[in-house]
């Protein structure tokens, strides 16, 4: 009887321990012949190679994200409503978001931009928002405080904005600028 009780106790403890472990998966990618990056956490083809070790996110609540946004908006001399509008347009506040072009996290940083902004974990909301707000400040400074051009550069890159002498004639970028501006008005 004592042996049965100990066995039941061990099985129950194991079930509780397993239930508390969060699901994680590594991220794999491949670049097709057109240069398009494809990402998955369940590779079905040998073309996929290991890309990123997924780690549990520190994201705990909407309130903590609000605090992060406020801290980095202030640190980068940004309007809090603008940061929130960019996050809403980019990922709808999803810290695990990955775009078809490889942009990652809440502010959808492409790997090159993340490295430039010294982001170690683009899926960590704090690290991502820290880097994203630094990059947004850089775009505002580059375009003399012109919010429309900074938003366009955040989406299409500063080179495209310079090349076209304003918001590039890309449908995606023009729609993006309008979406961010709508969200900006709503957050104000």
C-alpha atoms as a PDB file:
ATOM      1  CA  UNK A   1       0.000   0.000   0.000  1.00  0.00           C
ATOM      2  CA  UNK A   2       2.826   2.400   0.869  1.00  0.00           C
ATOM      3  CA  UNK A   3       4.508   1.645  -2.483  1.00  0.00           C
ATOM      4  CA  UNK A   4       1.204   2.384  -4.309  1.00  0.00           C
ATOM      5  CA  UNK A   5       0.856   5.752  -2.502  1.00  0.00           C
ATOM      6  CA  UNK A   6       4.451   6.800  -3.368  1.00  0.00           C
ATOM      7  CA  UNK A   7       3.937   5.782  -7.023  1.00  0.00           C
ATOM      8  CA  UNK A   8       0.691   7.804  -7.242  1.00  0.00           C
ATOM      9  CA  UNK A   9       2.414  10.779  -5.631  1.00  0.00           C
ATOM     10  CA  UNK A  10       5.298  10.631  -8.124  1.00  0.00           C
ATOM     11  CA  UNK A  11       2.931  10.339 -11.125  1.00  0.00           C
ATOM     12  CA  UNK A  12       0.801  13.259  -9.888  1.00  0.00           C
ATOM     13  CA  UNK A  13       3.908  15.405  -9.341  1.00  0.00           C
ATOM     14  CA  UNK A  14       5.174  14.546 -12.834  1.00  0.00           C
ATOM     15  CA  UNK A  15       1.854  15.503 -14.416  1.00  0.00           C
ATOM     16  CA  UNK A  16       1.814  18.831 -12.555  1.00  0.00           C
ATOM     17  CA  UNK A  17       5.405  19.525 -13.562  1.00  0.00           C
ATOM     18  CA  UNK A  18       4.696  18.756 -17.216  1.00  0.00           C
ATOM     19  CA  UNK A  19       1.594  20.908 -17.143  1.00  0.00           C
ATOM     20  CA  UNK A  20       3.599  23.915 -15.994  1.00  0.00           C
ATOM     21  CA  UNK A  21       6.154  23.717 -18.835  1.00  0.00           C
ATOM     22  CA  UNK A  22       5.335  26.064 -21.690  1.00  0.00           C
ATOM     23  CA  UNK A  23       5.493  24.851 -25.256  1.00  0.00           C
ATOM     24  CA  UNK A  24       8.530  26.045 -27.181  1.00  0.00           C
ATOM     25  CA  UNK A  25       9.837  25.383 -30.645  1.00  0.00           C
ATOM     26  CA  UNK A  26      12.874  26.363 -32.644  1.00  0.00           C
ATOM     27  CA  UNK A  27      12.377  28.457 -35.763  1.00  0.00           C
ATOM     28  CA  UNK A  28      13.670  27.298 -39.144  1.00  0.00           C
ATOM     29  CA  UNK A  29      13.892  29.159 -42.442  1.00  0.00           C
ATOM     30  CA  UNK A  30      14.814  28.837 -46.062  1.00  0.00           C
ATOM     31  CA  UNK A  31      15.215  31.360 -48.850  1.00  0.00           C
ATOM     32  CA  UNK A  32      13.556  30.359 -52.134  1.00  0.00           C
ATOM     33  CA  UNK A  33      14.873  31.058 -55.628  1.00  0.00           C
ATOM     34  CA  UNK A  34      13.067  34.443 -55.641  1.00  0.00           C
ATOM     35  CA  UNK A  35      14.842  35.542 -52.467  1.00  0.00           C
ATOM     36  CA  UNK A  36      11.707  35.173 -50.317  1.00  0.00           C
ATOM     37  CA  UNK A  37      12.361  33.945 -46.764  1.00  0.00           C
ATOM     38  CA  UNK A  38      10.053  31.254 -45.391  1.00  0.00           C
ATOM     39  CA  UNK A  39       9.837  30.547 -41.654  1.00  0.00           C
ATOM     40  CA  UNK A  40       8.357  27.657 -39.692  1.00  0.00           C
ATOM     41  CA  UNK A  41       8.623  25.953 -36.346  1.00  0.00           C
ATOM     42  CA  UNK A  42       7.802  22.604 -37.971  1.00  0.00           C
ATOM     43  CA  UNK A  43      10.101  22.080 -40.972  1.00  0.00           C
ATOM     44  CA  UNK A  44       8.613  19.711 -43.542  1.00  0.00           C
ATOM     45  CA  UNK A  45      11.408  19.964 -46.074  1.00  0.00           C
ATOM     46  CA  UNK A  46      15.188  19.602 -45.971  1.00  0.00           C
ATOM     47  CA  UNK A  47      15.536  23.114 -47.438  1.00  0.00           C
ATOM     48  CA  UNK A  48      14.756  24.554 -43.997  1.00  0.00           C
ATOM     49  CA  UNK A  49      17.742  25.255 -41.763  1.00  0.00           C
ATOM     50  CA  UNK A  50      17.887  26.197 -38.112  1.00  0.00           C
ATOM     51  CA  UNK A  51      17.400  29.967 -37.685  1.00  0.00           C
ATOM     52  CA  UNK A  52      16.551  30.866 -34.090  1.00  0.00           C
ATOM     53  CA  UNK A  53      16.217  29.148 -30.727  1.00  0.00           C
ATOM     54  CA  UNK A  54      12.826  30.079 -29.361  1.00  0.00           C
ATOM     55  CA  UNK A  55      12.856  31.057 -25.722  1.00  0.00           C
ATOM     56  CA  UNK A  56      10.025  31.786 -23.351  1.00  0.00           C
ATOM     57  CA  UNK A  57       8.949  35.395 -23.567  1.00  0.00           C
ATOM     58  CA  UNK A  58       9.040  37.703 -20.574  1.00  0.00           C
ATOM     59  CA  UNK A  59       5.710  39.156 -21.723  1.00  0.00           C
ATOM     60  CA  UNK A  60       3.357  39.036 -18.774  1.00  0.00           C
ATOM     61  CA  UNK A  61       0.546  41.519 -19.233  1.00  0.00           C
ATOM     62  CA  UNK A  62      -0.748  44.427 -21.283  1.00  0.00           C
ATOM     63  CA  UNK A  63       0.099  46.712 -18.362  1.00  0.00           C
ATOM     64  CA  UNK A  64       3.772  45.738 -18.464  1.00  0.00           C
ATOM     65  CA  UNK A  65       3.875  46.446 -22.216  1.00  0.00           C
ATOM     66  CA  UNK A  66       2.318  49.859 -21.515  1.00  0.00           C
ATOM     67  CA  UNK A  67       5.134  50.564 -19.056  1.00  0.00           C
ATOM     68  CA  UNK A  68       7.770  49.436 -21.558  1.00  0.00           C
ATOM     69  CA  UNK A  69       6.274  51.656 -24.270  1.00  0.00           C
ATOM     70  CA  UNK A  70       6.156  54.628 -21.926  1.00  0.00           C
ATOM     71  CA  UNK A  71       9.773  54.127 -20.783  1.00  0.00           C
ATOM     72  CA  UNK A  72      11.260  53.836 -24.293  1.00  0.00           C
ATOM     73  CA  UNK A  73       9.033  56.506 -25.833  1.00  0.00           C
ATOM     74  CA  UNK A  74      10.316  58.905 -23.193  1.00  0.00           C
ATOM     75  CA  UNK A  75      13.930  57.750 -23.581  1.00  0.00           C
ATOM     76  CA  UNK A  76      13.770  58.297 -27.365  1.00  0.00           C
ATOM     77  CA  UNK A  77      11.741  61.515 -27.279  1.00  0.00           C
ATOM     78  CA  UNK A  78       8.776  59.894 -29.021  1.00  0.00           C
ATOM     79  CA  UNK A  79       5.088  60.415 -28.575  1.00  0.00           C
ATOM     80  CA  UNK A  80       3.757  57.352 -26.743  1.00  0.00           C
ATOM     81  CA  UNK A  81       0.737  57.279 -29.087  1.00  0.00           C
ATOM     82  CA  UNK A  82       3.071  57.001 -32.113  1.00  0.00           C
ATOM     83  CA  UNK A  83       4.900  54.007 -30.636  1.00  0.00           C
ATOM     84  CA  UNK A  84       1.577  52.328 -29.848  1.00  0.00           C
ATOM     85  CA  UNK A  85       0.306  53.060 -33.377  1.00  0.00           C
ATOM     86  CA  UNK A  86       3.383  51.484 -34.969  1.00  0.00           C
ATOM     87  CA  UNK A  87       3.091  48.388 -32.755  1.00  0.00           C
ATOM     88  CA  UNK A  88      -0.624  48.079 -33.550  1.00  0.00           C
ATOM     89  CA  UNK A  89       0.011  48.382 -37.310  1.00  0.00           C
ATOM     90  CA  UNK A  90       3.052  46.105 -37.284  1.00  0.00           C
ATOM     91  CA  UNK A  91       2.006  43.174 -35.094  1.00  0.00           C
ATOM     92  CA  UNK A  92      -1.259  43.986 -33.314  1.00  0.00           C
ATOM     93  CA  UNK A  93       0.770  43.636 -30.089  1.00  0.00           C
ATOM     94  CA  UNK A  94       1.847  40.041 -30.846  1.00  0.00           C
ATOM     95  CA  UNK A  95       5.362  39.556 -29.405  1.00  0.00           C
ATOM     96  CA  UNK A  96       5.826  36.328 -31.420  1.00  0.00           C
ATOM     97  CA  UNK A  97       4.854  37.804 -34.804  1.00  0.00           C
ATOM     98  CA  UNK A  98       7.043  36.930 -37.812  1.00  0.00           C
ATOM     99  CA  UNK A  99       6.287  38.464 -41.208  1.00  0.00           C
ATOM    100  CA  UNK A 100       6.773  36.783 -44.578  1.00  0.00           C
ATOM    101  CA  UNK A 101       9.802  39.067 -45.036  1.00  0.00           C
ATOM    102  CA  UNK A 102      11.383  37.951 -41.764  1.00  0.00           C
ATOM    103  CA  UNK A 103      10.461  40.924 -39.563  1.00  0.00           C
ATOM    104  CA  UNK A 104      10.103  39.848 -35.947  1.00  0.00           C
ATOM    105  CA  UNK A 105       8.353  40.789 -32.739  1.00  0.00           C
ATOM    106  CA  UNK A 106       6.003  43.563 -31.747  1.00  0.00           C
ATOM    107  CA  UNK A 107       7.689  46.312 -33.774  1.00  0.00           C
ATOM    108  CA  UNK A 108       8.543  43.898 -36.616  1.00  0.00           C
ATOM    109  CA  UNK A 109      12.284  44.426 -36.814  1.00  0.00           C
ATOM    110  CA  UNK A 110      14.067  42.775 -39.722  1.00  0.00           C
ATOM    111  CA  UNK A 111      17.198  40.925 -38.549  1.00  0.00           C
ATOM    112  CA  UNK A 112      19.573  43.562 -39.987  1.00  0.00           C
ATOM    113  CA  UNK A 113      17.751  46.391 -38.206  1.00  0.00           C
ATOM    114  CA  UNK A 114      17.599  44.370 -34.992  1.00  0.00           C
ATOM    115  CA  UNK A 115      21.374  43.873 -35.125  1.00  0.00           C
ATOM    116  CA  UNK A 116      21.924  47.579 -35.903  1.00  0.00           C
ATOM    117  CA  UNK A 117      19.768  48.527 -32.893  1.00  0.00           C
ATOM    118  CA  UNK A 118      21.551  45.906 -30.737  1.00  0.00           C
ATOM    119  CA  UNK A 119      18.429  43.815 -30.175  1.00  0.00           C
ATOM    120  CA  UNK A 120      19.440  40.426 -28.778  1.00  0.00           C
ATOM    121  CA  UNK A 121      15.980  38.803 -28.616  1.00  0.00           C
ATOM    122  CA  UNK A 122      13.461  40.326 -31.054  1.00  0.00           C
ATOM    123  CA  UNK A 123      10.693  38.222 -29.463  1.00  0.00           C
ATOM    124  CA  UNK A 124      11.237  39.779 -26.039  1.00  0.00           C
ATOM    125  CA  UNK A 125       8.825  42.745 -25.935  1.00  0.00           C
ATOM    126  CA  UNK A 126      11.204  44.951 -23.969  1.00  0.00           C
ATOM    127  CA  UNK A 127      14.210  44.283 -26.211  1.00  0.00           C
ATOM    128  CA  UNK A 128      12.058  44.677 -29.343  1.00  0.00           C
ATOM    129  CA  UNK A 129      10.383  47.911 -28.225  1.00  0.00           C
ATOM    130  CA  UNK A 130      13.731  49.312 -27.090  1.00  0.00           C
ATOM    131  CA  UNK A 131      15.226  48.656 -30.535  1.00  0.00           C
ATOM    132  CA  UNK A 132      12.107  49.643 -32.455  1.00  0.00           C
ATOM    133  CA  UNK A 133      11.787  52.980 -30.690  1.00  0.00           C
ATOM    134  CA  UNK A 134      15.486  53.725 -31.278  1.00  0.00           C
ATOM    135  CA  UNK A 135      14.990  52.987 -34.972  1.00  0.00           C
ATOM    136  CA  UNK A 136      11.826  55.109 -35.141  1.00  0.00           C
ATOM    137  CA  UNK A 137      13.721  58.002 -33.503  1.00  0.00           C
ATOM    138  CA  UNK A 138      16.506  57.528 -36.055  1.00  0.00           C
ATOM    139  CA  UNK A 139      13.974  57.770 -38.910  1.00  0.00           C
ATOM    140  CA  UNK A 140      12.409  60.916 -37.427  1.00  0.00           C
ATOM    141  CA  UNK A 141      15.851  62.511 -37.074  1.00  0.00           C
ATOM    142  CA  UNK A 142      16.819  61.466 -40.600  1.00  0.00           C
ATOM    143  CA  UNK A 143      13.692  63.093 -42.060  1.00  0.00           C
ATOM    144  CA  UNK A 144      13.774  66.257 -39.900  1.00  0.00           C
ATOM    145  CA  UNK A 145      10.822  65.285 -37.721  1.00  0.00           C
ATOM    146  CA  UNK A 146       8.472  64.603 -40.662  1.00  0.00           C
ATOM    147  CA  UNK A 147       6.252  61.885 -39.201  1.00  0.00           C
ATOM    148  CA  UNK A 148       4.847  60.717 -42.556  1.00  0.00           C
ATOM    149  CA  UNK A 149       8.322  60.228 -44.027  1.00  0.00           C
ATOM    150  CA  UNK A 150       9.611  58.565 -40.845  1.00  0.00           C
ATOM    151  CA  UNK A 151       6.678  56.127 -40.861  1.00  0.00           C
ATOM    152  CA  UNK A 152       7.235  55.401 -44.560  1.00  0.00           C
ATOM    153  CA  UNK A 153      10.951  54.824 -43.896  1.00  0.00           C
ATOM    154  CA  UNK A 154      10.108  52.510 -40.985  1.00  0.00           C
ATOM    155  CA  UNK A 155       8.123  50.403 -43.474  1.00  0.00           C
ATOM    156  CA  UNK A 156      10.038  50.658 -46.759  1.00  0.00           C
ATOM    157  CA  UNK A 157      13.464  51.750 -45.566  1.00  0.00           C
ATOM    158  CA  UNK A 158      15.076  55.177 -45.627  1.00  0.00           C
ATOM    159  CA  UNK A 159      16.695  54.511 -49.006  1.00  0.00           C
ATOM    160  CA  UNK A 160      13.304  54.102 -50.685  1.00  0.00           C
ATOM    161  CA  UNK A 161      12.041  57.358 -49.164  1.00  0.00           C
ATOM    162  CA  UNK A 162      15.162  59.230 -50.323  1.00  0.00           C
ATOM    163  CA  UNK A 163      15.047  57.637 -53.779  1.00  0.00           C
ATOM    164  CA  UNK A 164      11.436  58.718 -54.334  1.00  0.00           C
ATOM    165  CA  UNK A 165      11.780  62.083 -52.636  1.00  0.00           C
ATOM    166  CA  UNK A 166       8.896  61.293 -50.286  1.00  0.00           C
ATOM    167  CA  UNK A 167       6.564  58.415 -49.499  1.00  0.00           C
ATOM    168  CA  UNK A 168       7.424  55.687 -52.032  1.00  0.00           C
ATOM    169  CA  UNK A 169       4.697  54.829 -54.553  1.00  0.00           C
ATOM    170  CA  UNK A 170       4.335  51.334 -53.071  1.00  0.00           C
ATOM    171  CA  UNK A 171       0.752  50.417 -52.236  1.00  0.00           C
ATOM    172  CA  UNK A 172       1.867  48.588 -49.100  1.00  0.00           C
ATOM    173  CA  UNK A 173       3.821  51.591 -47.802  1.00  0.00           C
ATOM    174  CA  UNK A 174       1.121  54.138 -48.621  1.00  0.00           C
ATOM    175  CA  UNK A 175      -1.500  51.969 -46.886  1.00  0.00           C
ATOM    176  CA  UNK A 176       0.854  51.454 -43.942  1.00  0.00           C
ATOM    177  CA  UNK A 177       1.374  55.195 -43.447  1.00  0.00           C
ATOM    178  CA  UNK A 178      -2.396  55.756 -43.467  1.00  0.00           C
ATOM    179  CA  UNK A 179      -3.001  52.882 -41.005  1.00  0.00           C
ATOM    180  CA  UNK A 180      -0.381  54.168 -38.571  1.00  0.00           C
ATOM    181  CA  UNK A 181      -1.840  57.686 -38.788  1.00  0.00           C
ATOM    182  CA  UNK A 182      -5.361  56.340 -38.077  1.00  0.00           C
ATOM    183  CA  UNK A 183      -4.082  54.401 -35.065  1.00  0.00           C
ATOM    184  CA  UNK A 184      -2.092  57.459 -33.958  1.00  0.00           C
ATOM    185  CA  UNK A 185      -5.256  59.588 -33.927  1.00  0.00           C
ATOM    186  CA  UNK A 186      -7.134  56.878 -32.032  1.00  0.00           C
ATOM    187  CA  UNK A 187      -4.381  56.576 -29.370  1.00  0.00           C
ATOM    188  CA  UNK A 188      -4.181  60.338 -28.928  1.00  0.00           C
END
